């Protein structure tokens, strides 16, 4: 049996060609911009701890980050609250859909930061006296994770806010429980803008690598978040990042990850690399079909499974 392949020479375009043979799954249609996504868009990128970035064809095609923003919102909330966000949000997997209208029994807290209720709360906990201040802080923080200035797709932000009925319901429920301090509308608006930030596969891989490298961006060398924050975020990605499929994901892929309805998946292999895949058709759990296949292949080929890395002595 041959050993793991070198990520510096791994053929991402060959993997992409294999993925394009799979055409099952459905593109999300919750807002017009997502419904219009190209189902044939497929790209993969790797960002290594030494700053090397490798990417396939289409890795520069922009898309809205959507739920893949959640780990980074959690990181910013942990930083800006001095870790108190851990007292405000649960960290247990739910076994339920990402937008389930459900809070922790007895506490009124969101179950974890990777579901919508948790992300609405984390977005409201970042520094800022107003919604606009929090928008600016989030965009600045996400840009630091990416190592480059990022922008918001205003049409996506508008429609996420306008059509996010379940998010409005969750925000009002948390207000009623005393969990959410911001107004429900402000909380939804800030989260909607965070989901509407534009990235591409290459950029998202760097963001994942920043978490994998203990909070230091491998391209810029900037410490974006403390090591403990990166550790906490990646830990919760491992248990909750693929919603009710998180257990299966960790057994089969073994790399902490966050999926999103845009078809993006961001992965953080601690100490090794960040990766991103974009392919809009989703399975019933809301995870990219091709993205999940790509992650499983890369994990096996590059020996990334956190509980199964081979010994290379």
Protein backbone atom coordinates (compact mmCIF):
# COMPACT_ATOMS: atom_id res chain seq x y z
CA UNK A 1 0.00 0.00 0.00
CA UNK A 2 1.41 3.36 -0.99
CA UNK A 3 1.67 6.22 1.50
CA UNK A 4 -0.30 9.45 1.43
CA UNK A 5 0.16 11.84 -1.47
CA UNK A 6 1.83 15.23 -1.21
CA UNK A 7 -0.70 18.10 -1.17
CA UNK A 8 1.85 20.21 -3.09
CA UNK A 9 1.57 17.94 -6.12
CA UNK A 10 -1.95 16.55 -5.63
CA UNK A 11 -3.90 16.76 -8.90
CA UNK A 12 -6.94 18.86 -8.01
CA UNK A 13 -8.15 19.12 -11.60
CA UNK A 14 -8.19 15.32 -11.96
CA UNK A 15 -10.27 15.13 -8.79
CA UNK A 16 -12.57 17.83 -10.15
CA UNK A 17 -13.08 15.90 -13.41
CA UNK A 18 -14.06 12.82 -11.40
CA UNK A 19 -16.53 14.86 -9.35
CA UNK A 20 -18.25 16.26 -12.44
CA UNK A 21 -19.48 12.75 -13.27
CA UNK A 22 -21.80 13.00 -10.25
CA UNK A 23 -24.91 15.01 -11.08
CA UNK A 24 -27.30 14.24 -8.22
CA UNK A 25 -28.46 16.75 -5.62
CA UNK A 26 -30.54 19.91 -5.86
CA UNK A 27 -29.47 23.57 -5.95
CA UNK A 28 -30.88 25.55 -3.01
CA UNK A 29 -33.70 27.89 -4.02
CA UNK A 30 -34.35 29.80 -0.79
CA UNK A 31 -33.35 33.09 -2.44
CA UNK A 32 -33.18 33.94 -6.16
CA UNK A 33 -29.39 34.31 -6.25
CA UNK A 34 -28.86 30.78 -4.91
CA UNK A 35 -31.51 29.31 -7.21
CA UNK A 36 -29.64 30.77 -10.20
CA UNK A 37 -26.32 29.13 -9.26
CA UNK A 38 -24.61 27.10 -11.98
CA UNK A 39 -25.04 23.40 -11.03
CA UNK A 40 -21.87 22.62 -13.00
CA UNK A 41 -19.72 24.99 -10.95
CA UNK A 42 -17.13 22.80 -9.22
CA UNK A 43 -13.84 23.94 -7.70
CA UNK A 44 -11.38 22.78 -5.06
CA UNK A 45 -8.59 24.66 -3.30
CA UNK A 46 -5.98 23.82 -0.68
CA UNK A 47 -4.10 26.31 1.50
CA UNK A 48 -1.11 24.80 3.28
CA UNK A 49 0.42 25.86 6.57
CA UNK A 50 3.50 27.22 4.75
CA UNK A 51 1.36 29.64 2.71
CA UNK A 52 1.21 27.56 -0.46
CA UNK A 53 -2.21 27.78 -2.13
CA UNK A 54 -3.21 25.32 -4.84
CA UNK A 55 -6.47 25.39 -6.72
CA UNK A 56 -8.40 23.74 -9.52
CA UNK A 57 -10.19 25.27 -12.48
CA UNK A 58 -13.05 27.62 -11.41
CA UNK A 59 -11.45 28.31 -8.01
CA UNK A 60 -11.72 32.06 -8.65
CA UNK A 61 -15.49 32.04 -9.34
CA UNK A 62 -17.19 34.11 -6.59
CA UNK A 63 -20.14 32.93 -4.50
CA UNK A 64 -21.79 34.03 -1.26
CA UNK A 65 -20.25 32.31 1.76
CA UNK A 66 -23.63 31.51 3.38
CA UNK A 67 -23.42 29.10 6.36
CA UNK A 68 -19.69 28.55 5.87
CA UNK A 69 -19.34 31.92 7.65
CA UNK A 70 -20.54 30.42 10.95
CA UNK A 71 -17.17 29.20 12.33
CA UNK A 72 -15.67 32.62 11.68
CA UNK A 73 -18.56 34.46 13.33
CA UNK A 74 -18.11 32.19 16.36
CA UNK A 75 -14.39 33.00 16.41
CA UNK A 76 -15.05 36.75 16.30
CA UNK A 77 -17.69 36.48 19.04
CA UNK A 78 -15.27 34.53 21.26
CA UNK A 79 -12.61 37.19 20.72
CA UNK A 80 -14.90 40.16 21.28
CA UNK A 81 -16.55 38.74 24.43
CA UNK A 82 -13.35 37.44 26.02
CA UNK A 83 -14.70 33.90 25.70
CA UNK A 84 -18.04 34.73 27.36
CA UNK A 85 -19.80 33.63 24.15
CA UNK A 86 -19.23 30.08 25.38
CA UNK A 87 -21.63 30.82 28.25
CA UNK A 88 -24.25 32.24 25.88
CA UNK A 89 -24.31 29.44 23.31
CA UNK A 90 -24.36 25.66 23.66
CA UNK A 91 -21.81 23.48 21.89
CA UNK A 92 -23.73 20.21 21.58
CA UNK A 93 -24.81 18.68 18.24
CA UNK A 94 -28.57 18.71 17.69
CA UNK A 95 -29.28 15.89 15.25
CA UNK A 96 -31.73 18.31 13.64
CA UNK A 97 -31.87 20.62 10.63
CA UNK A 98 -29.79 23.81 10.59
CA UNK A 99 -32.87 26.05 10.82
CA UNK A 100 -34.85 24.06 13.40
CA UNK A 101 -36.96 26.33 15.62
CA UNK A 102 -35.44 24.99 18.80
CA UNK A 103 -33.40 26.28 21.74
CA UNK A 104 -31.78 24.47 24.66
CA UNK A 105 -34.34 23.32 27.19
CA UNK A 106 -34.11 25.26 30.44
CA UNK A 107 -31.53 27.82 29.25
CA UNK A 108 -33.05 29.35 26.12
CA UNK A 109 -29.59 29.22 24.52
CA UNK A 110 -29.01 28.21 20.90
CA UNK A 111 -27.81 24.57 20.81
CA UNK A 112 -24.52 25.41 19.06
CA UNK A 113 -22.91 28.15 16.90
CA UNK A 114 -23.16 26.14 13.67
CA UNK A 115 -26.97 26.19 13.44
CA UNK A 116 -28.85 29.33 12.45
CA UNK A 117 -29.98 30.23 15.98
CA UNK A 118 -26.37 30.12 17.18
CA UNK A 119 -25.06 32.13 14.25
CA UNK A 120 -27.72 34.81 14.76
CA UNK A 121 -26.52 35.14 18.34
CA UNK A 122 -22.77 35.06 17.58
CA UNK A 123 -23.24 37.76 14.92
CA UNK A 124 -24.97 39.91 17.53
CA UNK A 125 -22.12 39.41 20.05
CA UNK A 126 -19.29 40.88 17.97
CA UNK A 127 -18.16 44.38 18.92
CA UNK A 128 -20.35 47.27 17.80
CA UNK A 129 -22.91 49.64 19.25
CA UNK A 130 -25.12 49.43 16.16
CA UNK A 131 -25.92 46.89 13.46
CA UNK A 132 -23.76 48.89 11.02
CA UNK A 133 -20.84 48.76 13.48
CA UNK A 134 -21.19 45.00 13.78
CA UNK A 135 -21.41 44.66 9.98
CA UNK A 136 -18.11 46.54 9.68
CA UNK A 137 -16.42 44.47 12.41
CA UNK A 138 -17.53 41.20 10.80
CA UNK A 139 -16.37 42.23 7.32
CA UNK A 140 -13.02 43.38 8.72
CA UNK A 141 -12.63 40.12 10.66
CA UNK A 142 -13.56 37.90 7.71
CA UNK A 143 -11.12 39.84 5.52
CA UNK A 144 -8.36 39.14 8.05
CA UNK A 145 -9.17 35.41 7.91
CA UNK A 146 -9.02 35.62 4.11
CA UNK A 147 -5.88 37.76 3.97
CA UNK A 148 -7.56 40.16 1.53
CA UNK A 149 -10.44 42.67 1.49
CA UNK A 150 -13.84 41.02 1.06
CA UNK A 151 -17.14 42.54 -0.11
CA UNK A 152 -20.85 41.96 0.49
CA UNK A 153 -23.28 41.06 -2.30
CA UNK A 154 -26.00 43.58 -1.43
CA UNK A 155 -28.72 41.77 -3.39
CA UNK A 156 -28.03 38.52 -1.52
CA UNK A 157 -27.99 40.38 1.82
CA UNK A 158 -31.32 42.04 1.02
CA UNK A 159 -33.02 38.79 0.07
CA UNK A 160 -31.55 36.84 2.99
CA UNK A 161 -33.04 39.47 5.30
CA UNK A 162 -36.35 39.76 3.46
CA UNK A 163 -36.98 36.03 2.97
CA UNK A 164 -35.40 34.66 6.15
CA UNK A 165 -38.69 33.93 7.93
CA UNK A 166 -37.27 31.14 10.07
CA UNK A 167 -34.33 33.32 11.10
CA UNK A 168 -36.77 36.04 12.16
CA UNK A 169 -38.72 33.44 14.14
CA UNK A 170 -35.54 32.22 15.87
CA UNK A 171 -34.46 35.77 16.68
CA UNK A 172 -37.84 36.60 18.22
CA UNK A 173 -37.78 33.35 20.20
CA UNK A 174 -34.34 34.19 21.61
CA UNK A 175 -35.54 37.69 22.43
CA UNK A 176 -38.49 36.19 24.31
CA UNK A 177 -36.09 33.92 26.25
CA UNK A 178 -33.81 36.85 27.10
CA UNK A 179 -30.92 35.26 25.19
CA UNK A 180 -30.66 37.84 22.42
CA UNK A 181 -29.93 41.43 23.46
CA UNK A 182 -30.02 43.06 20.02
CA UNK A 183 -33.35 43.63 18.30
CA UNK A 184 -34.57 40.65 16.29
CA UNK A 185 -34.49 42.62 13.05
CA UNK A 186 -30.95 43.88 13.66
CA UNK A 187 -29.76 40.36 14.48
CA UNK A 188 -31.22 38.96 11.27
CA UNK A 189 -29.89 41.85 9.18
CA UNK A 190 -26.33 41.46 10.52
CA UNK A 191 -26.34 37.70 9.98
CA UNK A 192 -27.82 38.13 6.48
CA UNK A 193 -24.97 40.46 5.50
CA UNK A 194 -22.40 38.03 6.90
CA UNK A 195 -23.88 35.22 4.78
CA UNK A 196 -23.76 37.50 1.72
CA UNK A 197 -19.98 38.08 1.87
CA UNK A 198 -18.42 37.04 -1.44
CA UNK A 199 -15.59 34.51 -1.49
CA UNK A 200 -14.20 31.94 -3.91
CA UNK A 201 -12.75 28.49 -3.29
CA UNK A 202 -9.21 29.81 -3.05
CA UNK A 203 -10.20 32.48 -0.50
CA UNK A 204 -12.31 30.10 1.58
CA UNK A 205 -9.44 27.59 1.75
CA UNK A 206 -7.18 30.31 3.20
CA UNK A 207 -9.86 31.12 5.78
CA UNK A 208 -9.99 27.45 6.75
CA UNK A 209 -6.21 27.32 6.92
CA UNK A 210 -6.15 30.30 9.30
CA UNK A 211 -8.20 28.24 11.77
CA UNK A 212 -6.08 25.13 11.07
CA UNK A 213 -2.92 27.14 11.81
CA UNK A 214 -4.09 28.13 15.28
CA UNK A 215 -5.49 31.50 14.22
CA UNK A 216 -2.53 32.72 12.15
CA UNK A 217 -3.18 33.51 8.49
CA UNK A 218 -0.58 31.46 6.53
CA UNK A 219 -0.41 34.06 3.75
CA UNK A 220 -0.10 37.27 5.74
CA UNK A 221 1.42 35.91 8.95
CA UNK A 222 -1.17 37.96 10.89
CA UNK A 223 -2.56 36.49 14.09
CA UNK A 224 -6.29 36.84 13.44
CA UNK A 225 -7.58 35.12 16.60
CA UNK A 226 -5.84 33.59 19.65
CA UNK A 227 -4.80 29.94 19.46
CA UNK A 228 -7.40 28.95 22.08
CA UNK A 229 -10.17 30.52 20.03
CA UNK A 230 -9.11 28.65 16.88
CA UNK A 231 -8.98 25.41 18.89
CA UNK A 232 -12.48 25.95 20.29
CA UNK A 233 -13.91 26.80 16.88
CA UNK A 234 -12.37 23.80 15.11
CA UNK A 235 -13.57 21.53 17.94
CA UNK A 236 -17.16 22.66 17.46
CA UNK A 237 -16.82 22.35 13.67
CA UNK A 238 -15.85 18.71 14.23
CA UNK A 239 -18.99 17.90 16.22
CA UNK A 240 -21.58 20.25 14.70
CA UNK A 241 -20.32 21.62 11.37
CA UNK A 242 -22.30 19.35 9.05
CA UNK A 243 -25.52 19.56 11.08
CA UNK A 244 -27.34 16.24 11.47
CA UNK A 245 -24.70 14.58 9.28
CA UNK A 246 -21.77 15.56 11.53
CA UNK A 247 -21.22 12.11 13.02
CA UNK A 248 -21.14 10.40 9.63
CA UNK A 249 -18.86 13.16 8.33
CA UNK A 250 -16.29 12.70 11.10
CA UNK A 251 -16.25 8.95 10.63
CA UNK A 252 -15.88 9.08 6.85
CA UNK A 253 -13.88 12.31 6.33
CA UNK A 254 -12.42 12.99 9.77
CA UNK A 255 -11.65 16.65 9.06
CA UNK A 256 -13.51 19.44 10.90
CA UNK A 257 -15.68 21.22 8.32
CA UNK A 258 -18.59 23.57 7.77
CA UNK A 259 -21.09 23.11 4.97
CA UNK A 260 -23.32 25.76 3.42
CA UNK A 261 -26.39 26.06 1.19
CA UNK A 262 -24.35 27.79 -1.51
CA UNK A 263 -22.67 24.41 -1.99
CA UNK A 264 -19.43 25.45 -0.32
CA UNK A 265 -17.60 23.41 2.29
CA UNK A 266 -14.67 24.79 4.28
CA UNK A 267 -12.33 22.32 5.99
CA UNK A 268 -9.65 22.82 8.65
CA UNK A 269 -7.15 19.99 9.16
CA UNK A 270 -5.36 21.19 12.33
CA UNK A 271 -1.71 22.02 11.77
CA UNK A 272 -1.80 20.83 8.17
CA UNK A 273 -4.04 22.76 5.78
CA UNK A 274 -7.33 24.43 5.01
CA UNK A 275 -9.44 23.35 2.07
CA UNK A 276 -12.57 24.47 0.29
CA UNK A 277 -14.90 22.92 -2.25
CA UNK A 278 -17.75 24.64 -4.08
CA UNK A 279 -20.46 22.75 -5.97
CA UNK A 280 -24.06 23.99 -5.61
CA UNK A 281 -26.16 20.77 -5.83
CA UNK A 282 -26.96 19.67 -2.25
CA UNK A 283 -28.02 16.46 -0.55
CA UNK A 284 -31.02 16.26 1.81
CA UNK A 285 -28.92 17.53 4.73
CA UNK A 286 -27.96 20.66 2.80
CA UNK A 287 -24.39 19.53 2.09
CA UNK A 288 -22.78 19.71 -1.35
CA UNK A 289 -22.91 16.26 -2.95
CA UNK A 290 -19.69 16.71 -4.89
CA UNK A 291 -18.13 18.62 -1.99
CA UNK A 292 -18.66 15.70 0.38
CA UNK A 293 -17.19 13.27 -2.17
CA UNK A 294 -14.20 15.57 -2.69
CA UNK A 295 -13.59 15.87 1.05
CA UNK A 296 -13.70 12.10 1.52
CA UNK A 297 -11.28 11.55 -1.37
CA UNK A 298 -8.84 14.24 -0.19
CA UNK A 299 -8.95 12.95 3.36
CA UNK A 300 -8.01 9.45 2.22
CA UNK A 301 -5.44 10.51 -0.40
CA UNK A 302 -3.70 13.11 1.80
CA UNK A 303 -4.04 11.21 5.11
CA UNK A 304 -6.04 13.98 6.78
CA UNK A 305 -8.43 12.02 9.03
CA UNK A 306 -7.68 13.36 12.52
CA UNK A 307 -8.27 9.95 14.10
CA UNK A 308 -6.58 7.88 11.44
CA UNK A 309 -3.37 9.53 10.35
CA UNK A 310 -0.77 7.00 9.39
CA UNK A 311 2.55 6.85 11.18
CA UNK A 312 5.36 7.90 8.88
CA UNK A 313 8.37 6.72 10.80
